[in-house]
Amino acid sequence: ITLARPPPKDARGLLATQRLRAGEISGDGRCQFSAFSRAAFSTVEHADELRALAVAFLRPRQAEYDDAMQAYYKGECKAKLSALVKSQKIKAADYSGFLDAIAAGEEWGNDVTLEALGVLM
């Protein structure tokens, strides 16, 4: 691969080439949606709406995204989702239940919700 110009030496350099800058986002469980909101709208104000949009996008697309989501609801998030089922905050520890947990702010966004946001934007 031949680059038209040398790559930046750091992430801030890359951002500067696109007239962007790094910033702080609170690690509060909605950080992915806050970061996306700030990048798209210059404010974190739309984070909850973006969370809802990502979930709404993913719900009817289980056939397309279930394999990727299984790593979460059958893997690293299984115990937490089981606890949410036990406390009746979600109905099942499956694709739909995992989306319910994300929608309710009980679970963080992940690579799949990030992809959904990218498709929506």
Foldseek 3Di string as FASTA:
>chain_A
DDDPDDDDPDPQVVQVVVVHGDDDADPPQLRVLQVVCCVVPVGSVCSLVLLVQLLVQCVVVCVPCQVVCCCQLVHDPVVVLVVCCVVVQFVDSGPNRVSSCSNVSNHHDDPSSVVSSVVVD
